[in-house]
Amino acid sequence: MGDDFERLDTLRENPRDDIPMAHRMKRFVEALQIRIVRALDDRDDGASFEVDRWSREEGGGGITAVIEDGDLLEKGGVNTSAVHGPLPERMAREFDVDEAPFYATGLSLVLHPRNPYIPTVHANYRYFALGDDLMNPVDQWFGGGADLTPYYPRLSDTQHFHQVWKDVCDRHEVADYEAFKQECDEYFYLPHRNEARGVGGIFYDYLREDPEGLFFFSREAGRAFLKSYLPIAERHRDESYGRREKSYQRIRRGRYVEFNLVYDRGTKFGLESGGRTESILMSMPPQVQWRYDHTPESGTPEADAEWYFTARDWLNLTEEEVPDSTV
C-alpha cells in the first residue's frame, strides 16, 4: 500500500498524458467485473453468470453479467457500461450547460440472495465527464458506494459491513466515512414509508477535487466489495427457512422496488440517456409482494427486524442495545 500511495503522489504532480481518466476508469471497472463475477460463480453451485454485451446507438455500450435461479443467488447482476453522446436535456439544465457531450462509465451490481437470512446488497463505482476533450474535460466527478439491505438483520453483519467501508475510507484523505455514511442514510431512504431501505453503508457523488486520489480510492473501494459481503453470505447460506421467511423477504423486496423506480438517480439517468432497459432494470428482485397495511406482529423476528430500518450509529452499538433476536 505504501508504494501505491507513493505512485499516487507522483501522478498528482505529473498527471498522465497518454490516456484519459475516463478510459482508465473503464478499464478498471471491467477488470473488477471479471473479479467479482468469478468469485460469485465459484460460490454458487446452482447457476452461473451469463454475459451479454450490448451497444448504444448514441455511443458506447456495456457488459451485462446476470445470474438467475442459483443456490446462493436467486438473481443478481454485475454490470459495466461506458456510454457517451449528447447530454440529455434535463441533465443539461441540471448542470447548467449547453448540450455538452458527456462520457459516463462505471460498474453497478445488485445481488438478491435466495436465503432470506442473507441480505441483498448493492454497490456501484462510477465516473462522469463533460466536454469534447476527455484528456481535459470541462468537468469530471466520481461517485459510488455500497449499501446493505437485510431482511433479518444481525448486528454482527451490519457492523462487519460498515467496518470494511470505514477501514477503506480511513486510508484515503479524499474519503470521509462519517460523511459518506450520512449521505447513504439520507439517499437510501423512503420518505413515503418513513423508513430506510436497509442498514446503509457509504454513498458519495459529485466528488471533483483530486481526481487521482478519487480514482485510487474508487479502485480500493471496488476491490473491497467482496470482503464486505461474502463473509456475511457464507455465514447464513445454510440457515433453514420456510414460507414465513420467504414471505417477509418478498415484502421487504417491495421496498427495494419502490426506491429504485421512484427515487434512484442511476435508474433515471440510465433510462433518460437511452441506456439498455434490460440492464438498467436487472436490479429488480425476481419475486415481490405487497400486502395492504402490513405490520409485523409485536414480538416476532419480523418486528425486531424493523427496528433496523432507521439510521443508527452501527459501529458504536452494543448487543444490549439491539433486539435480542438480532444479535
C-alpha atoms as a PDB file:
ATOM      1  CA  MET A   1       0.000   0.000   0.000  1.00  0.00           C
ATOM      2  CA  GLY A   2       2.890   2.350   0.719  1.00  0.00           C
ATOM      3  CA  ASP A   3       4.184   2.016  -2.848  1.00  0.00           C
ATOM      4  CA  ASP A   4       0.673   2.730  -4.143  1.00  0.00           C
ATOM      5  CA  PHE A   5       0.481   5.991  -2.222  1.00  0.00           C
ATOM      6  CA  GLU A   6       3.929   6.972  -3.500  1.00  0.00           C
ATOM      7  CA  ARG A   7       2.703   6.374  -7.061  1.00  0.00           C
ATOM      8  CA  LEU A   8      -0.381   8.451  -6.282  1.00  0.00           C
ATOM      9  CA  ASP A   9       1.774  11.390  -5.184  1.00  0.00           C
ATOM     10  CA  THR A  10       3.789  11.070  -8.396  1.00  0.00           C
ATOM     11  CA  LEU A  11       0.639  11.105 -10.517  1.00  0.00           C
ATOM     12  CA  ARG A  12      -0.670  14.146  -8.682  1.00  0.00           C
ATOM     13  CA  GLU A  13       2.499  16.029  -9.561  1.00  0.00           C
ATOM     14  CA  ASN A  14       2.813  14.634 -13.081  1.00  0.00           C
ATOM     15  CA  PRO A  15      -0.589  13.563 -14.439  1.00  0.00           C
ATOM     16  CA  ARG A  16      -0.656  11.020 -17.227  1.00  0.00           C
ATOM     17  CA  ASP A  17      -0.912  12.450 -20.727  1.00  0.00           C
ATOM     18  CA  ASP A  18      -1.288   9.187 -22.628  1.00  0.00           C
ATOM     19  CA  ILE A  19      -4.738   8.018 -21.509  1.00  0.00           C
ATOM     20  CA  PRO A  20      -7.723   9.971 -20.131  1.00  0.00           C
ATOM     21  CA  MET A  21      -9.170   9.253 -16.706  1.00  0.00           C
ATOM     22  CA  ALA A  22     -12.381   8.132 -18.419  1.00  0.00           C
ATOM     23  CA  HIS A  23     -10.597   5.238 -20.127  1.00  0.00           C
ATOM     24  CA  ARG A  24      -8.595   4.339 -17.023  1.00  0.00           C
ATOM     25  CA  MET A  25     -11.837   4.068 -15.065  1.00  0.00           C
ATOM     26  CA  LYS A  26     -13.469   2.000 -17.821  1.00  0.00           C
ATOM     27  CA  ARG A  27     -10.546  -0.404 -17.811  1.00  0.00           C
ATOM     28  CA  PHE A  28     -10.704  -0.720 -14.031  1.00  0.00           C
ATOM     29  CA  VAL A  29     -14.446  -1.409 -13.749  1.00  0.00           C
ATOM     30  CA  GLU A  30     -14.299  -4.065 -16.461  1.00  0.00           C
ATOM     31  CA  ALA A  31     -11.469  -5.833 -14.616  1.00  0.00           C
ATOM     32  CA  LEU A  32     -13.422  -5.528 -11.359  1.00  0.00           C
ATOM     33  CA  GLN A  33     -16.481  -7.044 -13.013  1.00  0.00           C
ATOM     34  CA  ILE A  34     -14.477 -10.125 -14.006  1.00  0.00           C
ATOM     35  CA  ARG A  35     -13.078 -10.457 -10.485  1.00  0.00           C
ATOM     36  CA  ILE A  36     -16.481 -10.229  -8.764  1.00  0.00           C
ATOM     37  CA  VAL A  37     -18.278 -12.488 -11.236  1.00  0.00           C
ATOM     38  CA  ARG A  38     -15.631 -15.198 -10.880  1.00  0.00           C
ATOM     39  CA  ALA A  39     -15.795 -15.082  -7.080  1.00  0.00           C
ATOM     40  CA  LEU A  40     -19.596 -15.370  -7.072  1.00  0.00           C
ATOM     41  CA  ASP A  41     -19.598 -18.110  -9.709  1.00  0.00           C
ATOM     42  CA  ASP A  42     -17.223 -20.133  -7.534  1.00  0.00           C
ATOM     43  CA  ARG A  43     -19.683 -19.973  -4.630  1.00  0.00           C
ATOM     44  CA  ASP A  44     -22.929 -20.747  -6.451  1.00  0.00           C
ATOM     45  CA  ASP A  45     -23.401 -24.381  -7.446  1.00  0.00           C
ATOM     46  CA  GLY A  46     -26.876 -23.888  -8.900  1.00  0.00           C
ATOM     47  CA  ALA A  47     -26.215 -21.433 -11.710  1.00  0.00           C
ATOM     48  CA  SER A  48     -23.575 -19.262 -13.325  1.00  0.00           C
ATOM     49  CA  PHE A  49     -23.441 -15.778 -14.758  1.00  0.00           C
ATOM     50  CA  GLU A  50     -24.415 -15.202 -18.370  1.00  0.00           C
ATOM     51  CA  VAL A  51     -22.586 -12.376 -20.100  1.00  0.00           C
ATOM     52  CA  ASP A  52     -24.357 -10.131 -22.573  1.00  0.00           C
ATOM     53  CA  ARG A  53     -22.506  -7.393 -24.460  1.00  0.00           C
ATOM     54  CA  TRP A  54     -24.596  -4.533 -25.804  1.00  0.00           C
ATOM     55  CA  SER A  55     -24.106  -1.329 -27.731  1.00  0.00           C
ATOM     56  CA  ARG A  56     -25.857   2.013 -27.566  1.00  0.00           C
ATOM     57  CA  GLU A  57     -26.880   3.753 -30.771  1.00  0.00           C
ATOM     58  CA  GLU A  58     -25.881   7.198 -29.490  1.00  0.00           C
ATOM     59  CA  GLY A  59     -22.451   5.971 -28.436  1.00  0.00           C
ATOM     60  CA  GLY A  60     -20.806   3.331 -26.263  1.00  0.00           C
ATOM     61  CA  GLY A  61     -22.255   0.238 -24.657  1.00  0.00           C
ATOM     62  CA  GLY A  62     -21.668  -2.180 -21.849  1.00  0.00           C
ATOM     63  CA  ILE A  63     -21.298  -5.677 -20.480  1.00  0.00           C
ATOM     64  CA  THR A  64     -24.180  -7.174 -18.507  1.00  0.00           C
ATOM     65  CA  ALA A  65     -23.498 -10.269 -16.382  1.00  0.00           C
ATOM     66  CA  VAL A  66     -26.631 -11.795 -14.841  1.00  0.00           C
ATOM     67  CA  ILE A  67     -27.283 -14.892 -12.743  1.00  0.00           C
ATOM     68  CA  GLU A  68     -30.721 -16.388 -12.028  1.00  0.00           C
ATOM     69  CA  ASP A  69     -32.063 -19.345 -10.038  1.00  0.00           C
ATOM     70  CA  GLY A  70     -28.806 -20.135  -8.290  1.00  0.00           C
ATOM     71  CA  ASP A  71     -28.367 -21.876  -4.955  1.00  0.00           C
ATOM     72  CA  LEU A  72     -26.826 -18.773  -3.397  1.00  0.00           C
ATOM     73  CA  LEU A  73     -28.253 -16.045  -5.615  1.00  0.00           C
ATOM     74  CA  GLU A  74     -31.879 -16.083  -6.677  1.00  0.00           C
ATOM     75  CA  LYS A  75     -30.999 -13.225  -9.013  1.00  0.00           C
ATOM     76  CA  GLY A  76     -28.021 -10.971  -9.425  1.00  0.00           C
ATOM     77  CA  GLY A  77     -26.296  -8.688 -11.863  1.00  0.00           C
ATOM     78  CA  VAL A  78     -22.807  -7.230 -12.128  1.00  0.00           C
ATOM     79  CA  ASN A  79     -22.855  -4.707 -14.958  1.00  0.00           C
ATOM     80  CA  THR A  80     -20.421  -2.301 -16.546  1.00  0.00           C
ATOM     81  CA  SER A  81     -21.051   0.418 -19.085  1.00  0.00           C
ATOM     82  CA  ALA A  82     -19.222   3.171 -20.891  1.00  0.00           C
ATOM     83  CA  VAL A  83     -21.616   5.475 -22.724  1.00  0.00           C
ATOM     84  CA  HIS A  84     -21.180   8.828 -24.398  1.00  0.00           C
ATOM     85  CA  GLY A  85     -23.019  11.336 -26.530  1.00  0.00           C
ATOM     86  CA  PRO A  86     -25.152  14.453 -26.142  1.00  0.00           C
ATOM     87  CA  LEU A  87     -26.191  15.161 -22.570  1.00  0.00           C
ATOM     88  CA  PRO A  88     -29.927  14.535 -22.024  1.00  0.00           C
ATOM     89  CA  GLU A  89     -31.892  17.792 -21.947  1.00  0.00           C
ATOM     90  CA  ARG A  90     -32.979  17.502 -18.310  1.00  0.00           C
ATOM     91  CA  MET A  91     -29.401  16.872 -17.175  1.00  0.00           C
ATOM     92  CA  ALA A  92     -28.096  19.759 -19.267  1.00  0.00           C
ATOM     93  CA  ARG A  93     -30.496  22.037 -17.385  1.00  0.00           C
ATOM     94  CA  GLU A  94     -29.475  20.497 -14.066  1.00  0.00           C
ATOM     95  CA  PHE A  95     -25.758  21.074 -14.738  1.00  0.00           C
ATOM     96  CA  ASP A  96     -26.394  24.448 -16.418  1.00  0.00           C
ATOM     97  CA  VAL A  97     -24.551  23.588 -19.637  1.00  0.00           C
ATOM     98  CA  ASP A  98     -25.456  23.892 -23.300  1.00  0.00           C
ATOM     99  CA  GLU A  99     -25.627  20.495 -24.999  1.00  0.00           C
ATOM    100  CA  ALA A 100     -22.192  19.425 -23.792  1.00  0.00           C
ATOM    101  CA  PRO A 101     -21.209  15.868 -24.728  1.00  0.00           C
ATOM    102  CA  PHE A 102     -20.810  13.502 -21.798  1.00  0.00           C
ATOM    103  CA  TYR A 103     -18.924  10.320 -21.018  1.00  0.00           C
ATOM    104  CA  ALA A 104     -20.024   8.028 -18.204  1.00  0.00           C
ATOM    105  CA  THR A 105     -18.532   4.740 -17.142  1.00  0.00           C
ATOM    106  CA  GLY A 106     -18.926   2.553 -14.097  1.00  0.00           C
ATOM    107  CA  LEU A 107     -19.839  -0.730 -12.501  1.00  0.00           C
ATOM    108  CA  SER A 108     -23.169  -1.386 -10.818  1.00  0.00           C
ATOM    109  CA  LEU A 109     -24.178  -4.564  -9.031  1.00  0.00           C
ATOM    110  CA  VAL A 110     -27.200  -5.885  -7.180  1.00  0.00           C
ATOM    111  CA  LEU A 111     -27.335  -9.335  -5.573  1.00  0.00           C
ATOM    112  CA  HIS A 112     -30.629 -10.822  -4.392  1.00  0.00           C
ATOM    113  CA  PRO A 113     -29.898 -13.987  -2.377  1.00  0.00           C
ATOM    114  CA  ARG A 114     -32.188 -16.979  -2.173  1.00  0.00           C
ATOM    115  CA  ASN A 115     -31.938 -17.429   1.600  1.00  0.00           C
ATOM    116  CA  PRO A 116     -33.869 -14.685   3.467  1.00  0.00           C
ATOM    117  CA  TYR A 117     -31.203 -14.621   6.155  1.00  0.00           C
ATOM    118  CA  ILE A 118     -28.672 -13.303   3.620  1.00  0.00           C
ATOM    119  CA  PRO A 119     -29.040  -9.584   2.851  1.00  0.00           C
ATOM    120  CA  THR A 120     -29.464  -8.089  -0.565  1.00  0.00           C
ATOM    121  CA  VAL A 121     -26.532  -5.863  -1.472  1.00  0.00           C
ATOM    122  CA  HIS A 122     -25.989  -3.046  -3.944  1.00  0.00           C
ATOM    123  CA  ALA A 123     -22.774  -1.316  -4.972  1.00  0.00           C
ATOM    124  CA  ASN A 124     -21.567   0.952  -7.733  1.00  0.00           C
ATOM    125  CA  TYR A 125     -18.425   2.824  -8.720  1.00  0.00           C
ATOM    126  CA  ARG A 126     -18.715   5.418 -11.475  1.00  0.00           C
ATOM    127  CA  TYR A 127     -17.077   8.314 -13.290  1.00  0.00           C
ATOM    128  CA  PHE A 128     -18.670  11.130 -15.306  1.00  0.00           C
ATOM    129  CA  ALA A 129     -17.076  13.703 -17.589  1.00  0.00           C
ATOM    130  CA  LEU A 130     -18.357  16.649 -19.624  1.00  0.00           C
ATOM    131  CA  GLY A 131     -16.770  18.102 -22.754  1.00  0.00           C
ATOM    132  CA  ASP A 132     -15.284  17.068 -26.087  1.00  0.00           C
ATOM    133  CA  ASP A 133     -11.726  16.532 -24.820  1.00  0.00           C
ATOM    134  CA  LEU A 134     -11.534  13.699 -22.305  1.00  0.00           C
ATOM    135  CA  MET A 135      -7.905  14.499 -21.535  1.00  0.00           C
ATOM    136  CA  ASN A 136      -9.069  17.935 -20.375  1.00  0.00           C
ATOM    137  CA  PRO A 137     -12.759  17.654 -19.550  1.00  0.00           C
ATOM    138  CA  VAL A 138     -14.846  20.726 -18.785  1.00  0.00           C
ATOM    139  CA  ASP A 139     -15.972  18.937 -15.634  1.00  0.00           C
ATOM    140  CA  GLN A 140     -15.498  15.478 -14.138  1.00  0.00           C
ATOM    141  CA  TRP A 141     -16.525  13.703 -10.979  1.00  0.00           C
ATOM    142  CA  PHE A 142     -16.663  10.356  -9.205  1.00  0.00           C
ATOM    143  CA  GLY A 143     -19.498   8.694  -7.345  1.00  0.00           C
ATOM    144  CA  GLY A 144     -20.446   5.367  -5.865  1.00  0.00           C
ATOM    145  CA  GLY A 145     -20.828   3.404  -2.680  1.00  0.00           C
ATOM    146  CA  ALA A 146     -22.286   0.222  -1.261  1.00  0.00           C
ATOM    147  CA  ASP A 147     -25.318  -0.455   0.912  1.00  0.00           C
ATOM    148  CA  LEU A 148     -26.801  -3.496   2.617  1.00  0.00           C
ATOM    149  CA  THR A 149     -30.494  -4.422   2.640  1.00  0.00           C
ATOM    150  CA  PRO A 150     -31.131  -7.259   5.099  1.00  0.00           C
ATOM    151  CA  TYR A 151     -34.445  -8.998   5.691  1.00  0.00           C
ATOM    152  CA  TYR A 152     -33.491 -10.439   9.066  1.00  0.00           C
ATOM    153  CA  PRO A 153     -30.734  -8.045  10.187  1.00  0.00           C
ATOM    154  CA  ARG A 154     -27.955  -9.036  12.535  1.00  0.00           C
ATOM    155  CA  LEU A 155     -25.779  -6.576  14.406  1.00  0.00           C
ATOM    156  CA  SER A 156     -22.636  -8.585  13.625  1.00  0.00           C
ATOM    157  CA  ASP A 157     -23.357  -8.479   9.870  1.00  0.00           C
ATOM    158  CA  THR A 158     -24.173  -4.783   9.930  1.00  0.00           C
ATOM    159  CA  GLN A 159     -21.030  -3.917  11.859  1.00  0.00           C
ATOM    160  CA  HIS A 160     -18.837  -6.071   9.614  1.00  0.00           C
ATOM    161  CA  PHE A 161     -20.185  -4.335   6.508  1.00  0.00           C
ATOM    162  CA  HIS A 162     -19.708  -0.838   7.919  1.00  0.00           C
ATOM    163  CA  GLN A 163     -16.276  -1.613   9.357  1.00  0.00           C
ATOM    164  CA  VAL A 164     -14.954  -2.653   5.949  1.00  0.00           C
ATOM    165  CA  TRP A 165     -16.026   0.662   4.451  1.00  0.00           C
ATOM    166  CA  LYS A 166     -14.746   2.689   7.385  1.00  0.00           C
ATOM    167  CA  ASP A 167     -11.352   0.995   7.064  1.00  0.00           C
ATOM    168  CA  VAL A 168     -11.210   1.809   3.356  1.00  0.00           C
ATOM    169  CA  CYS A 169     -12.272   5.418   3.865  1.00  0.00           C
ATOM    170  CA  ASP A 170      -9.820   5.965   6.701  1.00  0.00           C
ATOM    171  CA  ARG A 171      -6.901   5.142   4.383  1.00  0.00           C
ATOM    172  CA  HIS A 172      -7.786   7.900   1.905  1.00  0.00           C
ATOM    173  CA  GLU A 173      -7.773  11.639   2.516  1.00  0.00           C
ATOM    174  CA  VAL A 174     -10.420  12.127  -0.187  1.00  0.00           C
ATOM    175  CA  ALA A 175     -12.887   9.931   1.723  1.00  0.00           C
ATOM    176  CA  ASP A 176     -14.837  10.576   4.914  1.00  0.00           C
ATOM    177  CA  TYR A 177     -16.678   7.563   6.343  1.00  0.00           C
ATOM    178  CA  GLU A 178     -18.957   9.595   8.610  1.00  0.00           C
ATOM    179  CA  ALA A 179     -19.971  11.952   5.803  1.00  0.00           C
ATOM    180  CA  PHE A 180     -20.397   9.108   3.302  1.00  0.00           C
ATOM    181  CA  LYS A 181     -22.456   7.100   5.802  1.00  0.00           C
ATOM    182  CA  GLN A 182     -24.735  10.054   6.456  1.00  0.00           C
ATOM    183  CA  GLU A 183     -25.151  10.650   2.723  1.00  0.00           C
ATOM    184  CA  CYS A 184     -26.030   6.968   2.308  1.00  0.00           C
ATOM    185  CA  ASP A 185     -28.607   7.143   5.105  1.00  0.00           C
ATOM    186  CA  GLU A 186     -30.182  10.203   3.511  1.00  0.00           C
ATOM    187  CA  TYR A 187     -30.137   8.833  -0.019  1.00  0.00           C
ATOM    188  CA  PHE A 188     -31.434   5.289   0.560  1.00  0.00           C
ATOM    189  CA  TYR A 189     -34.488   6.492   2.418  1.00  0.00           C
ATOM    190  CA  LEU A 190     -38.166   6.079   1.512  1.00  0.00           C
ATOM    191  CA  PRO A 191     -39.935   9.236   2.720  1.00  0.00           C
ATOM    192  CA  HIS A 192     -43.373   7.854   1.864  1.00  0.00           C
ATOM    193  CA  ARG A 193     -42.644   4.943   4.240  1.00  0.00           C
ATOM    194  CA  ASN A 194     -40.655   6.965   6.765  1.00  0.00           C
ATOM    195  CA  GLU A 195     -38.013   4.258   6.838  1.00  0.00           C
ATOM    196  CA  ALA A 196     -34.580   3.380   5.489  1.00  0.00           C
ATOM    197  CA  ARG A 197     -34.263   0.863   2.681  1.00  0.00           C
ATOM    198  CA  GLY A 198     -31.786  -1.128   4.757  1.00  0.00           C
ATOM    199  CA  VAL A 199     -28.883  -0.559   7.132  1.00  0.00           C
ATOM    200  CA  GLY A 200     -26.912   1.704   4.833  1.00  0.00           C
ATOM    201  CA  GLY A 201     -23.204   1.750   4.097  1.00  0.00           C
ATOM    202  CA  ILE A 202     -21.464   4.560   2.227  1.00  0.00           C
ATOM    203  CA  PHE A 203     -22.589   6.768  -0.642  1.00  0.00           C
ATOM    204  CA  TYR A 204     -20.793   9.632  -2.386  1.00  0.00           C
ATOM    205  CA  ASP A 205     -21.392  11.657  -5.513  1.00  0.00           C
ATOM    206  CA  TYR A 206     -20.073  14.661  -7.435  1.00  0.00           C
ATOM    207  CA  LEU A 207     -16.581  14.347  -5.922  1.00  0.00           C
ATOM    208  CA  ARG A 208     -14.299  16.558  -8.032  1.00  0.00           C
ATOM    209  CA  GLU A 209     -11.236  17.551  -6.025  1.00  0.00           C
ATOM    210  CA  ASP A 210      -8.094  15.467  -6.578  1.00  0.00           C
ATOM    211  CA  PRO A 211      -9.104  13.153  -9.467  1.00  0.00           C
ATOM    212  CA  GLU A 212      -6.060  10.923  -8.969  1.00  0.00           C
ATOM    213  CA  GLY A 213      -6.873  10.464  -5.289  1.00  0.00           C
ATOM    214  CA  LEU A 214     -10.509   9.748  -6.098  1.00  0.00           C
ATOM    215  CA  PHE A 215      -9.566   7.182  -8.723  1.00  0.00           C
ATOM    216  CA  PHE A 216      -7.241   5.489  -6.245  1.00  0.00           C
ATOM    217  CA  PHE A 217      -9.983   5.452  -3.604  1.00  0.00           C
ATOM    218  CA  SER A 218     -12.552   4.126  -6.107  1.00  0.00           C
ATOM    219  CA  ARG A 219     -10.266   1.242  -7.020  1.00  0.00           C
ATOM    220  CA  GLU A 220      -9.697   0.204  -3.425  1.00  0.00           C
ATOM    221  CA  ALA A 221     -13.390   0.549  -2.582  1.00  0.00           C
ATOM    222  CA  GLY A 222     -14.319  -1.598  -5.565  1.00  0.00           C
ATOM    223  CA  ARG A 223     -11.816  -4.275  -4.630  1.00  0.00           C
ATOM    224  CA  ALA A 224     -13.127  -4.278  -1.037  1.00  0.00           C
ATOM    225  CA  PHE A 225     -16.653  -5.231  -2.068  1.00  0.00           C
ATOM    226  CA  LEU A 226     -16.138  -8.999  -1.836  1.00  0.00           C
ATOM    227  CA  LYS A 227     -14.592  -8.600   1.621  1.00  0.00           C
ATOM    228  CA  SER A 228     -17.624  -6.605   2.754  1.00  0.00           C
ATOM    229  CA  TYR A 229     -20.254  -9.085   1.564  1.00  0.00           C
ATOM    230  CA  LEU A 230     -19.030 -12.642   1.073  1.00  0.00           C
ATOM    231  CA  PRO A 231     -18.387 -13.390   4.786  1.00  0.00           C
ATOM    232  CA  ILE A 232     -21.996 -12.395   5.535  1.00  0.00           C
ATOM    233  CA  ALA A 233     -23.372 -14.541   2.715  1.00  0.00           C
ATOM    234  CA  GLU A 234     -21.298 -17.561   3.735  1.00  0.00           C
ATOM    235  CA  ARG A 235     -22.336 -17.162   7.380  1.00  0.00           C
ATOM    236  CA  HIS A 236     -26.038 -17.525   6.588  1.00  0.00           C
ATOM    237  CA  ARG A 237     -26.305 -19.508   3.369  1.00  0.00           C
ATOM    238  CA  ASP A 238     -27.119 -22.801   5.152  1.00  0.00           C
ATOM    239  CA  GLU A 239     -29.608 -21.420   7.688  1.00  0.00           C
ATOM    240  CA  SER A 240     -33.004 -23.112   7.423  1.00  0.00           C
ATOM    241  CA  TYR A 241     -36.081 -21.073   6.486  1.00  0.00           C
ATOM    242  CA  GLY A 242     -39.673 -21.614   5.481  1.00  0.00           C
ATOM    243  CA  ARG A 243     -42.668 -19.949   3.867  1.00  0.00           C
ATOM    244  CA  ARG A 244     -42.891 -17.298   6.583  1.00  0.00           C
ATOM    245  CA  GLU A 245     -39.354 -16.050   5.995  1.00  0.00           C
ATOM    246  CA  LYS A 246     -39.759 -16.083   2.210  1.00  0.00           C
ATOM    247  CA  SER A 247     -42.983 -14.122   2.506  1.00  0.00           C
ATOM    248  CA  TYR A 248     -41.328 -11.431   4.621  1.00  0.00           C
ATOM    249  CA  GLN A 249     -38.364 -11.342   2.249  1.00  0.00           C
ATOM    250  CA  ARG A 250     -40.731 -10.581  -0.646  1.00  0.00           C
ATOM    251  CA  ILE A 251     -42.475  -7.834   1.314  1.00  0.00           C
ATOM    252  CA  ARG A 252     -39.155  -6.141   2.063  1.00  0.00           C
ATOM    253  CA  ARG A 253     -38.094  -6.574  -1.550  1.00  0.00           C
ATOM    254  CA  GLY A 254     -41.114  -4.445  -2.388  1.00  0.00           C
ATOM    255  CA  ARG A 255     -39.425  -1.549  -0.611  1.00  0.00           C
ATOM    256  CA  TYR A 256     -36.405  -2.108  -2.824  1.00  0.00           C
ATOM    257  CA  VAL A 257     -38.542  -1.845  -5.942  1.00  0.00           C
ATOM    258  CA  GLU A 258     -40.279   1.287  -4.665  1.00  0.00           C
ATOM    259  CA  PHE A 259     -36.967   3.035  -4.113  1.00  0.00           C
ATOM    260  CA  ASN A 260     -35.412   2.057  -7.438  1.00  0.00           C
ATOM    261  CA  LEU A 261     -38.412   3.099  -9.506  1.00  0.00           C
ATOM    262  CA  VAL A 262     -39.287   6.297  -7.658  1.00  0.00           C
ATOM    263  CA  TYR A 263     -36.037   7.783  -6.322  1.00  0.00           C
ATOM    264  CA  ASP A 264     -32.892   6.159  -7.710  1.00  0.00           C
ATOM    265  CA  ARG A 265     -30.713   8.541  -9.748  1.00  0.00           C
ATOM    266  CA  GLY A 266     -28.970   5.737 -11.606  1.00  0.00           C
ATOM    267  CA  THR A 267     -32.240   4.286 -12.867  1.00  0.00           C
ATOM    268  CA  LYS A 268     -33.405   7.711 -14.015  1.00  0.00           C
ATOM    269  CA  PHE A 269     -30.113   8.536 -15.727  1.00  0.00           C
ATOM    270  CA  GLY A 270     -29.962   5.178 -17.480  1.00  0.00           C
ATOM    271  CA  LEU A 271     -33.454   5.487 -18.887  1.00  0.00           C
ATOM    272  CA  GLU A 272     -33.114   9.170 -19.823  1.00  0.00           C
ATOM    273  CA  SER A 273     -29.750   8.660 -21.549  1.00  0.00           C
ATOM    274  CA  GLY A 274     -31.029   5.830 -23.730  1.00  0.00           C
ATOM    275  CA  GLY A 275     -29.354   3.059 -21.777  1.00  0.00           C
ATOM    276  CA  ARG A 276     -30.269  -0.572 -22.189  1.00  0.00           C
ATOM    277  CA  THR A 277     -33.552  -1.168 -20.348  1.00  0.00           C
ATOM    278  CA  GLU A 278     -32.847  -4.822 -19.528  1.00  0.00           C
ATOM    279  CA  SER A 279     -29.527  -3.915 -17.938  1.00  0.00           C
ATOM    280  CA  ILE A 280     -30.964  -0.972 -16.010  1.00  0.00           C
ATOM    281  CA  LEU A 281     -33.866  -2.973 -14.588  1.00  0.00           C
ATOM    282  CA  MET A 282     -31.865  -6.095 -13.814  1.00  0.00           C
ATOM    283  CA  SER A 283     -31.690  -4.692 -10.256  1.00  0.00           C
ATOM    284  CA  MET A 284     -35.298  -5.720  -9.673  1.00  0.00           C
ATOM    285  CA  PRO A 285     -35.779  -8.789  -7.448  1.00  0.00           C
ATOM    286  CA  PRO A 286     -37.318 -11.915  -9.015  1.00  0.00           C
ATOM    287  CA  GLN A 287     -40.312 -12.172  -6.685  1.00  0.00           C
ATOM    288  CA  VAL A 288     -42.003  -9.400  -4.710  1.00  0.00           C
ATOM    289  CA  GLN A 289     -45.261  -8.955  -2.842  1.00  0.00           C
ATOM    290  CA  TRP A 290     -47.236  -6.092  -1.361  1.00  0.00           C
ATOM    291  CA  ARG A 291     -49.696  -6.647   1.470  1.00  0.00           C
ATOM    292  CA  TYR A 292     -52.168  -3.961   2.327  1.00  0.00           C
ATOM    293  CA  ASP A 293     -51.173  -2.124   5.522  1.00  0.00           C
ATOM    294  CA  HIS A 294     -48.737  -4.846   6.532  1.00  0.00           C
ATOM    295  CA  THR A 295     -47.377  -4.536  10.075  1.00  0.00           C
ATOM    296  CA  PRO A 296     -45.384  -7.342  11.721  1.00  0.00           C
ATOM    297  CA  GLU A 297     -46.825  -8.742  14.924  1.00  0.00           C
ATOM    298  CA  SER A 298     -45.144  -7.427  18.045  1.00  0.00           C
ATOM    299  CA  GLY A 299     -42.503  -9.739  19.498  1.00  0.00           C
ATOM    300  CA  THR A 300     -41.802 -11.565  16.230  1.00  0.00           C
ATOM    301  CA  PRO A 301     -38.447 -11.684  14.407  1.00  0.00           C
ATOM    302  CA  GLU A 302     -40.043  -9.583  11.689  1.00  0.00           C
ATOM    303  CA  ALA A 303     -40.947  -6.859  14.180  1.00  0.00           C
ATOM    304  CA  ASP A 304     -37.407  -6.977  15.553  1.00  0.00           C
ATOM    305  CA  ALA A 305     -36.085  -6.616  12.019  1.00  0.00           C
ATOM    306  CA  GLU A 306     -37.976  -3.367  11.503  1.00  0.00           C
ATOM    307  CA  TRP A 307     -36.001  -1.781  14.349  1.00  0.00           C
ATOM    308  CA  TYR A 308     -33.036  -1.752  11.985  1.00  0.00           C
ATOM    309  CA  PHE A 309     -34.709   0.284   9.255  1.00  0.00           C
ATOM    310  CA  THR A 310     -33.763   3.552  10.924  1.00  0.00           C
ATOM    311  CA  ALA A 311     -30.360   5.186  10.546  1.00  0.00           C
ATOM    312  CA  ARG A 312     -28.154   4.431  13.551  1.00  0.00           C
ATOM    313  CA  ASP A 313     -24.522   4.634  14.621  1.00  0.00           C
ATOM    314  CA  TRP A 314     -23.989   0.939  13.928  1.00  0.00           C
ATOM    315  CA  LEU A 315     -20.308   0.683  14.787  1.00  0.00           C
ATOM    316  CA  ASN A 316     -20.841   2.030  18.304  1.00  0.00           C
ATOM    317  CA  LEU A 317     -23.869  -0.084  19.218  1.00  0.00           C
ATOM    318  CA  THR A 318     -23.574  -2.925  21.719  1.00  0.00           C
ATOM    319  CA  GLU A 319     -25.536  -6.173  21.843  1.00  0.00           C
ATOM    320  CA  GLU A 320     -27.539  -4.878  24.803  1.00  0.00           C
ATOM    321  CA  GLU A 321     -28.941  -2.042  22.675  1.00  0.00           C
ATOM    322  CA  VAL A 322     -30.476  -4.152  19.879  1.00  0.00           C
ATOM    323  CA  PRO A 323     -33.449  -6.558  19.830  1.00  0.00           C
ATOM    324  CA  ASP A 324     -32.478  -9.916  21.322  1.00  0.00           C
ATOM    325  CA  SER A 325     -33.145 -11.927  18.159  1.00  0.00           C
ATOM    326  CA  THR A 326     -30.853  -9.768  16.017  1.00  0.00           C
ATOM    327  CA  VAL A 327     -27.516 -10.101  17.771  1.00  0.00           C
END
